[in-house]
PDB file of all heavy atoms in Angstrom:
ATOM      1  N   THR A   1       0.826  -1.207   0.000  1.00  0.00           N
ATOM      2  CA  THR A   1       0.000   0.000   0.000  1.00  0.00           C
ATOM      3  C   THR A   1       0.859   1.255   0.000  1.00  0.00           C
ATOM      4  O   THR A   1       1.984   1.259   0.503  1.00  0.00           O
ATOM      5  CB  THR A   1      -0.934   0.066   1.240  1.00  0.00           C
ATOM      6  OG1 THR A   1      -0.124   0.016   2.417  1.00  0.00           O
ATOM      7  CG2 THR A   1      -1.938  -1.066   1.245  1.00  0.00           C
ATOM      8  N   ILE A   2       0.295   2.300  -0.559  1.00  0.00           N
ATOM      9  CA  ILE A   2       0.901   3.626  -0.573  1.00  0.00           C
ATOM     10  C   ILE A   2      -0.113   4.575   0.045  1.00  0.00           C
ATOM     11  O   ILE A   2      -1.308   4.496  -0.245  1.00  0.00           O
ATOM     12  CB  ILE A   2       1.270   4.054  -2.004  1.00  0.00           C
ATOM     13  CG1 ILE A   2       2.399   3.152  -2.528  1.00  0.00           C
ATOM     14  CG2 ILE A   2       1.673   5.529  -2.056  1.00  0.00           C
ATOM     15  CD1 ILE A   2       2.745   3.371  -3.982  1.00  0.00           C
ATOM     16  N   THR A   3       0.383   5.473   0.896  1.00  0.00           N
ATOM     17  CA  THR A   3      -0.495   6.405   1.587  1.00  0.00           C
ATOM     18  C   THR A   3      -0.112   7.839   1.240  1.00  0.00           C
ATOM     19  O   THR A   3       1.070   8.190   1.220  1.00  0.00           O
ATOM     20  CB  THR A   3      -0.388   6.206   3.116  1.00  0.00           C
ATOM     21  OG1 THR A   3      -0.693   4.842   3.409  1.00  0.00           O
ATOM     22  CG2 THR A   3      -1.344   7.105   3.868  1.00  0.00           C
ATOM     23  N   LEU A   4      -1.143   8.666   0.986  1.00  0.00           N
ATOM     24  CA  LEU A   4      -0.955  10.095   0.756  1.00  0.00           C
ATOM     25  C   LEU A   4      -1.507  10.823   1.970  1.00  0.00           C
ATOM     26  O   LEU A   4      -2.668  10.636   2.340  1.00  0.00           O
ATOM     27  CB  LEU A   4      -1.713  10.565  -0.486  1.00  0.00           C
ATOM     28  CG  LEU A   4      -1.072  10.321  -1.852  1.00  0.00           C
ATOM     29  CD1 LEU A   4      -0.924   8.852  -2.133  1.00  0.00           C
ATOM     30  CD2 LEU A   4      -1.879  10.998  -2.928  1.00  0.00           C
ATOM     31  N   THR A   5      -0.675  11.648   2.585  1.00  0.00           N
ATOM     32  CA  THR A   5      -1.084  12.424   3.745  1.00  0.00           C
ATOM     33  C   THR A   5      -0.859  13.897   3.441  1.00  0.00           C
ATOM     34  O   THR A   5       0.278  14.316   3.199  1.00  0.00           O
ATOM     35  CB  THR A   5      -0.265  12.028   4.992  1.00  0.00           C
ATOM     36  OG1 THR A   5      -0.349  10.617   5.166  1.00  0.00           O
ATOM     37  CG2 THR A   5      -0.784  12.728   6.231  1.00  0.00           C
ATOM     38  N   ALA A   6      -1.938  14.669   3.407  1.00  0.00           N
ATOM     39  CA  ALA A   6      -1.845  16.096   3.125  1.00  0.00           C
ATOM     40  C   ALA A   6      -1.753  16.864   4.439  1.00  0.00           C
ATOM     41  O   ALA A   6      -2.466  16.563   5.395  1.00  0.00           O
ATOM     42  CB  ALA A   6      -3.059  16.559   2.328  1.00  0.00           C
ATOM     43  N   ALA A   7      -0.875  17.849   4.470  1.00  0.00           N
ATOM     44  CA  ALA A   7      -0.732  18.698   5.645  1.00  0.00           C
ATOM     45  C   ALA A   7      -0.506  20.128   5.172  1.00  0.00           C
ATOM     46  O   ALA A   7      -0.031  20.363   4.067  1.00  0.00           O
ATOM     47  CB  ALA A   7       0.447  18.237   6.495  1.00  0.00           C
ATOM     48  N   GLY A   8      -0.873  21.068   6.017  1.00  0.00           N
ATOM     49  CA  GLY A   8      -0.713  22.463   5.642  1.00  0.00           C
ATOM     50  C   GLY A   8      -1.989  22.989   5.043  1.00  0.00           C
ATOM     51  O   GLY A   8      -2.984  22.280   4.913  1.00  0.00           O
ATOM     52  N   THR A   9      -1.948  24.213   4.708  1.00  0.00           N
ATOM     53  CA  THR A   9      -3.126  24.837   4.108  1.00  0.00           C
ATOM     54  C   THR A   9      -2.685  25.655   2.914  1.00  0.00           C
ATOM     55  O   THR A   9      -1.914  26.597   3.049  1.00  0.00           O
ATOM     56  CB  THR A   9      -3.849  25.760   5.110  1.00  0.00           C
ATOM     57  OG1 THR A   9      -2.898  26.684   5.644  1.00  0.00           O
ATOM     58  CG2 THR A   9      -4.474  24.972   6.236  1.00  0.00           C
ATOM     59  N   ASN A  10      -3.143  25.296   1.807  1.00  0.00           N
ATOM     60  CA  ASN A  10      -2.994  26.032   0.561  1.00  0.00           C
ATOM     61  C   ASN A  10      -1.684  26.790   0.439  1.00  0.00           C
ATOM     62  O   ASN A  10      -1.653  27.953   0.733  1.00  0.00           O
ATOM     63  CB  ASN A  10      -4.174  26.981   0.402  1.00  0.00           C
ATOM     64  CG  ASN A  10      -5.475  26.233   0.374  1.00  0.00           C
ATOM     65  OD1 ASN A  10      -5.549  25.141  -0.149  1.00  0.00           O
ATOM     66  ND2 ASN A  10      -6.496  26.806   0.943  1.00  0.00           N
ATOM     67  N   PRO A  11      -0.618  26.223  -0.046  1.00  0.00           N
ATOM     68  CA  PRO A  11      -0.664  24.911  -0.686  1.00  0.00           C
ATOM     69  C   PRO A  11      -0.431  23.772   0.310  1.00  0.00           C
ATOM     70  O   PRO A  11       0.231  23.956   1.323  1.00  0.00           O
ATOM     71  CB  PRO A  11       0.487  24.965  -1.682  1.00  0.00           C
ATOM     72  CG  PRO A  11       1.486  25.879  -1.034  1.00  0.00           C
ATOM     73  CD  PRO A  11       0.661  26.895  -0.283  1.00  0.00           C
ATOM     74  N   ASP A  12      -1.004  22.646  -0.027  1.00  0.00           N
ATOM     75  CA  ASP A  12      -0.769  21.434   0.748  1.00  0.00           C
ATOM     76  C   ASP A  12       0.646  20.933   0.491  1.00  0.00           C
ATOM     77  O   ASP A  12       1.203  21.133  -0.585  1.00  0.00           O
ATOM     78  CB  ASP A  12      -1.703  20.302   0.306  1.00  0.00           C
ATOM     79  CG  ASP A  12      -3.051  20.334   0.988  1.00  0.00           C
ATOM     80  OD1 ASP A  12      -3.220  21.080   1.968  1.00  0.00           O
ATOM     81  OD2 ASP A  12      -3.939  19.593   0.534  1.00  0.00           O
ATOM     82  N   LYS A  13       1.172  20.253   1.468  1.00  0.00           N
ATOM     83  CA  LYS A  13       2.355  19.421   1.287  1.00  0.00           C
ATOM     84  C   LYS A  13       1.836  17.995   1.434  1.00  0.00           C
ATOM     85  O   LYS A  13       1.178  17.668   2.413  1.00  0.00           O
ATOM     86  CB  LYS A  13       3.401  19.732   2.346  1.00  0.00           C
ATOM     87  CG  LYS A  13       4.056  21.086   2.160  1.00  0.00           C
ATOM     88  CD  LYS A  13       5.183  21.270   3.137  1.00  0.00           C
ATOM     89  CE  LYS A  13       5.915  22.578   3.048  1.00  0.00           C
ATOM     90  NZ  LYS A  13       5.512  23.556   2.125  1.00  0.00           N
ATOM     91  N   VAL A  14       2.063  17.180   0.424  1.00  0.00           N
ATOM     92  CA  VAL A  14       1.563  15.812   0.424  1.00  0.00           C
ATOM     93  C   VAL A  14       2.738  14.868   0.642  1.00  0.00           C
ATOM     94  O   VAL A  14       3.700  14.868  -0.131  1.00  0.00           O
ATOM     95  CB  VAL A  14       0.846  15.479  -0.905  1.00  0.00           C
ATOM     96  CG1 VAL A  14       0.329  14.050  -0.887  1.00  0.00           C
ATOM     97  CG2 VAL A  14      -0.291  16.468  -1.158  1.00  0.00           C
ATOM     98  N   THR A  15       2.665  14.083   1.717  1.00  0.00           N
ATOM     99  CA  THR A  15       3.697  13.090   2.002  1.00  0.00           C
ATOM    100  C   THR A  15       3.222  11.749   1.452  1.00  0.00           C
ATOM    101  O   THR A  15       2.114  11.307   1.745  1.00  0.00           O
ATOM    102  CB  THR A  15       3.973  12.983   3.509  1.00  0.00           C
ATOM    103  OG1 THR A  15       4.353  14.273   3.992  1.00  0.00           O
ATOM    104  CG2 THR A  15       5.091  11.990   3.784  1.00  0.00           C
ATOM    105  N   ILE A  16       4.070  11.137   0.632  1.00  0.00           N
ATOM    106  CA  ILE A  16       3.760   9.854   0.010  1.00  0.00           C
ATOM    107  C   ILE A  16       4.634   8.795   0.675  1.00  0.00           C
ATOM    108  O   ILE A  16       5.860   8.838   0.567  1.00  0.00           O
ATOM    109  CB  ILE A  16       4.021   9.903  -1.511  1.00  0.00           C
ATOM    110  CG1 ILE A  16       3.181  11.011  -2.150  1.00  0.00           C
ATOM    111  CG2 ILE A  16       3.729   8.553  -2.148  1.00  0.00           C
ATOM    112  CD1 ILE A  16       3.545  11.325  -3.579  1.00  0.00           C
ATOM    113  N   THR A  17       3.992   7.882   1.407  1.00  0.00           N
ATOM    114  CA  THR A  17       4.709   6.821   2.114  1.00  0.00           C
ATOM    115  C   THR A  17       4.139   5.466   1.695  1.00  0.00           C
ATOM    116  O   THR A  17       3.130   5.393   0.991  1.00  0.00           O
ATOM    117  CB  THR A  17       4.570   6.978   3.642  1.00  0.00           C
ATOM    118  OG1 THR A  17       3.185   6.971   3.982  1.00  0.00           O
ATOM    119  CG2 THR A  17       5.208   8.268   4.130  1.00  0.00           C
ATOM    120  N   SER A  18       4.782   4.406   2.179  1.00  0.00           N
ATOM    121  CA  SER A  18       4.277   3.058   1.904  1.00  0.00           C
ATOM    122  C   SER A  18       4.507   2.190   3.132  1.00  0.00           C
ATOM    123  O   SER A  18       5.154   2.614   4.095  1.00  0.00           O
ATOM    124  CB  SER A  18       4.986   2.440   0.695  1.00  0.00           C
ATOM    125  OG  SER A  18       6.303   2.059   1.043  1.00  0.00           O
ATOM    126  N   ASP A  19       3.999   0.969   3.059  1.00  0.00           N
ATOM    127  CA  ASP A  19       4.223   0.037   4.161  1.00  0.00           C
ATOM    128  C   ASP A  19       5.694  -0.380   4.254  1.00  0.00           C
ATOM    129  O   ASP A  19       6.103  -0.951   5.256  1.00  0.00           O
ATOM    130  CB  ASP A  19       3.289  -1.179   4.051  1.00  0.00           C
ATOM    131  CG  ASP A  19       3.382  -1.898   2.718  1.00  0.00           C
ATOM    132  OD1 ASP A  19       3.336  -1.220   1.667  1.00  0.00           O
ATOM    133  OD2 ASP A  19       3.491  -3.122   2.706  1.00  0.00           O
ATOM    134  N   LEU A  20       6.502  -0.068   3.251  1.00  0.00           N
ATOM    135  CA  LEU A  20       7.935  -0.365   3.287  1.00  0.00           C
ATOM    136  C   LEU A  20       8.794   0.877   3.525  1.00  0.00           C
ATOM    137  O   LEU A  20       9.999   0.765   3.747  1.00  0.00           O
ATOM    138  CB  LEU A  20       8.382  -1.011   1.967  1.00  0.00           C
ATOM    139  CG  LEU A  20       7.733  -2.341   1.599  1.00  0.00           C
ATOM    140  CD1 LEU A  20       8.265  -2.822   0.249  1.00  0.00           C
ATOM    141  CD2 LEU A  20       7.981  -3.380   2.679  1.00  0.00           C
ATOM    142  N   ASP A  21       8.193   2.068   3.445  1.00  0.00           N
ATOM    143  CA  ASP A  21       8.936   3.326   3.543  1.00  0.00           C
ATOM    144  C   ASP A  21       8.126   4.327   4.353  1.00  0.00           C
ATOM    145  O   ASP A  21       7.256   4.998   3.818  1.00  0.00           O
ATOM    146  CB  ASP A  21       9.223   3.866   2.137  1.00  0.00           C
ATOM    147  CG  ASP A  21       9.929   5.216   2.145  1.00  0.00           C
ATOM    148  OD1 ASP A  21      10.422   5.649   3.204  1.00  0.00           O
ATOM    149  OD2 ASP A  21       9.981   5.841   1.066  1.00  0.00           O
ATOM    150  N   SER A  22       8.421   4.410   5.637  1.00  0.00           N
ATOM    151  CA  SER A  22       7.644   5.295   6.506  1.00  0.00           C
ATOM    152  C   SER A  22       8.067   6.755   6.383  1.00  0.00           C
ATOM    153  O   SER A  22       7.341   7.650   6.821  1.00  0.00           O
ATOM    154  CB  SER A  22       7.769   4.852   7.963  1.00  0.00           C
ATOM    155  OG  SER A  22       9.123   4.919   8.366  1.00  0.00           O
ATOM    156  N   VAL A  23       9.217   7.028   5.770  1.00  0.00           N
ATOM    157  CA  VAL A  23       9.676   8.404   5.588  1.00  0.00           C
ATOM    158  C   VAL A  23       9.061   8.998   4.327  1.00  0.00           C
ATOM    159  O   VAL A  23       8.482  10.076   4.343  1.00  0.00           O
ATOM    160  CB  VAL A  23      11.218   8.476   5.542  1.00  0.00           C
ATOM    161  CG1 VAL A  23      11.679   9.893   5.243  1.00  0.00           C
ATOM    162  CG2 VAL A  23      11.803   7.971   6.853  1.00  0.00           C
ATOM    163  N   GLY A  24       9.187   8.306   3.216  1.00  0.00           N
ATOM    164  CA  GLY A  24       8.562   8.704   1.970  1.00  0.00           C
ATOM    165  C   GLY A  24       9.127   9.957   1.340  1.00  0.00           C
ATOM    166  O   GLY A  24      10.256  10.356   1.598  1.00  0.00           O
ATOM    167  N   THR A  25       8.285  10.565   0.515  1.00  0.00           N
ATOM    168  CA  THR A  25       8.634  11.755  -0.251  1.00  0.00           C
ATOM    169  C   THR A  25       7.589  12.821   0.014  1.00  0.00           C
ATOM    170  O   THR A  25       6.395  12.526   0.034  1.00  0.00           O
ATOM    171  CB  THR A  25       8.639  11.436  -1.764  1.00  0.00           C
ATOM    172  OG1 THR A  25       9.569  10.376  -2.004  1.00  0.00           O
ATOM    173  CG2 THR A  25       9.007  12.630  -2.603  1.00  0.00           C
ATOM    174  N   VAL A  26       8.032  14.061   0.166  1.00  0.00           N
ATOM    175  CA  VAL A  26       7.098  15.167   0.350  1.00  0.00           C
ATOM    176  C   VAL A  26       6.994  15.928  -0.971  1.00  0.00           C
ATOM    177  O   VAL A  26       8.007  16.327  -1.549  1.00  0.00           O
ATOM    178  CB  VAL A  26       7.549  16.118   1.472  1.00  0.00           C
ATOM    179  CG1 VAL A  26       6.604  17.310   1.585  1.00  0.00           C
ATOM    180  CG2 VAL A  26       7.632  15.376   2.799  1.00  0.00           C
ATOM    181  N   VAL A  27       5.768  16.107  -1.446  1.00  0.00           N
ATOM    182  CA  VAL A  27       5.507  16.871  -2.661  1.00  0.00           C
ATOM    183  C   VAL A  27       4.806  18.164  -2.249  1.00  0.00           C
ATOM    184  O   VAL A  27       3.712  18.127  -1.689  1.00  0.00           O
ATOM    185  CB  VAL A  27       4.610  16.085  -3.646  1.00  0.00           C
ATOM    186  CG1 VAL A  27       4.270  16.931  -4.866  1.00  0.00           C
ATOM    187  CG2 VAL A  27       5.293  14.789  -4.065  1.00  0.00           C
ATOM    188  N   GLY A  28       5.464  19.280  -2.501  1.00  0.00           N
ATOM    189  CA  GLY A  28       4.851  20.575  -2.222  1.00  0.00           C
ATOM    190  C   GLY A  28       4.022  21.003  -3.415  1.00  0.00           C
ATOM    191  O   GLY A  28       4.539  21.125  -4.524  1.00  0.00           O
ATOM    192  N   LEU A  29       2.727  21.185  -3.201  1.00  0.00           N
ATOM    193  CA  LEU A  29       1.854  21.596  -4.296  1.00  0.00           C
ATOM    194  C   LEU A  29       2.039  23.088  -4.602  1.00  0.00           C
ATOM    195  O   LEU A  29       2.553  23.846  -3.779  1.00  0.00           O
ATOM    196  CB  LEU A  29       0.399  21.309  -3.945  1.00  0.00           C
ATOM    197  CG  LEU A  29       0.057  19.846  -3.633  1.00  0.00           C
ATOM    198  CD1 LEU A  29      -1.445  19.694  -3.411  1.00  0.00           C
ATOM    199  CD2 LEU A  29       0.526  18.916  -4.743  1.00  0.00           C
ATOM    200  N   SER A  30       1.619  23.492  -5.774  1.00  0.00           N
ATOM    201  CA  SER A  30       1.715  24.888  -6.199  1.00  0.00           C
ATOM    202  C   SER A  30       0.876  25.785  -5.287  1.00  0.00           C
ATOM    203  O   SER A  30      -0.056  25.306  -4.635  1.00  0.00           O
ATOM    204  CB  SER A  30       1.222  25.023  -7.641  1.00  0.00           C
ATOM    205  OG  SER A  30       1.991  24.225  -8.503  1.00  0.00           O
ATOM    206  N   PRO A  31       1.191  27.089  -5.247  1.00  0.00           N
ATOM    207  CA  PRO A  31       0.443  28.006  -4.384  1.00  0.00           C
ATOM    208  C   PRO A  31      -1.068  27.890  -4.571  1.00  0.00           C
ATOM    209  O   PRO A  31      -1.558  27.823  -5.701  1.00  0.00           O
ATOM    210  CB  PRO A  31       0.937  29.383  -4.814  1.00  0.00           C
ATOM    211  CG  PRO A  31       2.334  29.120  -5.289  1.00  0.00           C
ATOM    212  CD  PRO A  31       2.261  27.772  -5.966  1.00  0.00           C
ATOM    213  N   SER A  32      -1.774  27.836  -3.449  1.00  0.00           N
ATOM    214  CA  SER A  32      -3.244  27.772  -3.381  1.00  0.00           C
ATOM    215  C   SER A  32      -3.832  26.444  -3.849  1.00  0.00           C
ATOM    216  O   SER A  32      -5.039  26.333  -4.036  1.00  0.00           O
ATOM    217  CB  SER A  32      -3.891  28.924  -4.154  1.00  0.00           C
ATOM    218  OG  SER A  32      -3.484  30.156  -3.611  1.00  0.00           O
ATOM    219  N   ASN A  33      -3.014  25.418  -4.050  1.00  0.00           N
ATOM    220  CA  ASN A  33      -3.512  24.107  -4.463  1.00  0.00           C
ATOM    221  C   ASN A  33      -3.591  23.155  -3.273  1.00  0.00           C
ATOM    222  O   ASN A  33      -2.768  23.224  -2.360  1.00  0.00           O
ATOM    223  CB  ASN A  33      -2.618  23.480  -5.534  1.00  0.00           C
ATOM    224  CG  ASN A  33      -2.795  24.123  -6.888  1.00  0.00           C
ATOM    225  OD1 ASN A  33      -3.632  25.006  -7.077  1.00  0.00           O
ATOM    226  ND2 ASN A  33      -2.002  23.701  -7.841  1.00  0.00           N
ATOM    227  N   HIS A  34      -4.567  22.264  -3.319  1.00  0.00           N
ATOM    228  CA  HIS A  34      -4.721  21.234  -2.297  1.00  0.00           C
ATOM    229  C   HIS A  34      -5.336  19.992  -2.933  1.00  0.00           C
ATOM    230  O   HIS A  34      -5.906  20.063  -4.023  1.00  0.00           O
ATOM    231  CB  HIS A  34      -5.591  21.723  -1.129  1.00  0.00           C
ATOM    232  CG  HIS A  34      -6.967  22.134  -1.528  1.00  0.00           C
ATOM    233  ND1 HIS A  34      -7.270  23.397  -1.981  1.00  0.00           N
ATOM    234  CD2 HIS A  34      -8.122  21.448  -1.557  1.00  0.00           C
ATOM    235  CE1 HIS A  34      -8.560  23.465  -2.280  1.00  0.00           C
ATOM    236  NE2 HIS A  34      -9.100  22.292  -2.037  1.00  0.00           N
ATOM    237  N   LEU A  35      -5.210  18.842  -2.258  1.00  0.00           N
ATOM    238  CA  LEU A  35      -5.855  17.629  -2.761  1.00  0.00           C
ATOM    239  C   LEU A  35      -7.349  17.865  -2.824  1.00  0.00           C
ATOM    240  O   LEU A  35      -7.940  18.440  -1.911  1.00  0.00           O
ATOM    241  CB  LEU A  35      -5.561  16.431  -1.862  1.00  0.00           C
ATOM    242  CG  LEU A  35      -4.189  15.786  -1.977  1.00  0.00           C
ATOM    243  CD1 LEU A  35      -4.085  14.598  -1.024  1.00  0.00           C
ATOM    244  CD2 LEU A  35      -3.888  15.342  -3.391  1.00  0.00           C
ATOM    245  N   GLY A  36      -7.967  17.416  -3.902  1.00  0.00           N
ATOM    246  CA  GLY A  36      -9.387  17.629  -4.103  1.00  0.00           C
ATOM    247  C   GLY A  36     -10.252  16.533  -3.512  1.00  0.00           C
ATOM    248  O   GLY A  36      -9.762  15.552  -2.944  1.00  0.00           O
ATOM    249  N   ALA A  37     -11.547  16.731  -3.683  1.00  0.00           N
ATOM    250  CA  ALA A  37     -12.544  15.798  -3.159  1.00  0.00           C
ATOM    251  C   ALA A  37     -12.364  14.410  -3.771  1.00  0.00           C
ATOM    252  O   ALA A  37     -11.991  14.263  -4.934  1.00  0.00           O
ATOM    253  CB  ALA A  37     -13.942  16.320  -3.464  1.00  0.00           C
ATOM    254  N   ASN A  38     -12.612  13.404  -2.977  1.00  0.00           N
ATOM    255  CA  ASN A  38     -12.588  11.999  -3.392  1.00  0.00           C
ATOM    256  C   ASN A  38     -11.215  11.498  -3.816  1.00  0.00           C
ATOM    257  O   ASN A  38     -11.116  10.442  -4.445  1.00  0.00           O
ATOM    258  CB  ASN A  38     -13.600  11.723  -4.516  1.00  0.00           C
ATOM    259  CG  ASN A  38     -15.009  12.063  -4.127  1.00  0.00           C
ATOM    260  OD1 ASN A  38     -15.397  11.917  -2.972  1.00  0.00           O
ATOM    261  ND2 ASN A  38     -15.795  12.547  -5.069  1.00  0.00           N
ATOM    262  N   SER A  39     -10.154  12.236  -3.520  1.00  0.00           N
ATOM    263  CA  SER A  39      -8.810  11.759  -3.859  1.00  0.00           C
ATOM    264  C   SER A  39      -8.478  10.530  -3.019  1.00  0.00           C
ATOM    265  O   SER A  39      -8.812  10.469  -1.839  1.00  0.00           O
ATOM    266  CB  SER A  39      -7.762  12.837  -3.573  1.00  0.00           C
ATOM    267  OG  SER A  39      -7.820  13.847  -4.536  1.00  0.00           O
ATOM    268  N   ALA A  40      -7.804   9.588  -3.645  1.00  0.00           N
ATOM    269  CA  ALA A  40      -7.350   8.401  -2.912  1.00  0.00           C
ATOM    270  C   ALA A  40      -6.336   8.840  -1.863  1.00  0.00           C
ATOM    271  O   ALA A  40      -5.465   9.661  -2.147  1.00  0.00           O
ATOM    272  CB  ALA A  40      -6.709   7.409  -3.867  1.00  0.00           C
ATOM    273  N   THR A  41      -6.461   8.322  -0.658  1.00  0.00           N
ATOM    274  CA  THR A  41      -5.454   8.581   0.371  1.00  0.00           C
ATOM    275  C   THR A  41      -4.698   7.300   0.704  1.00  0.00           C
ATOM    276  O   THR A  41      -3.589   7.359   1.205  1.00  0.00           O
ATOM    277  CB  THR A  41      -6.075   9.179   1.652  1.00  0.00           C
ATOM    278  OG1 THR A  41      -7.121   8.332   2.094  1.00  0.00           O
ATOM    279  CG2 THR A  41      -6.613  10.577   1.378  1.00  0.00           C
TER     280      THR A  41
END
């Protein structure tokens, strides 16, 4: 499994982790962007 965790407020920073990688990668979204409705987490 892969997990997306959004934190912050506009723009979101989305941390992408997995069951094998608890540190993962942080993706900083563009200004004023955030994960939208019904996005897979």
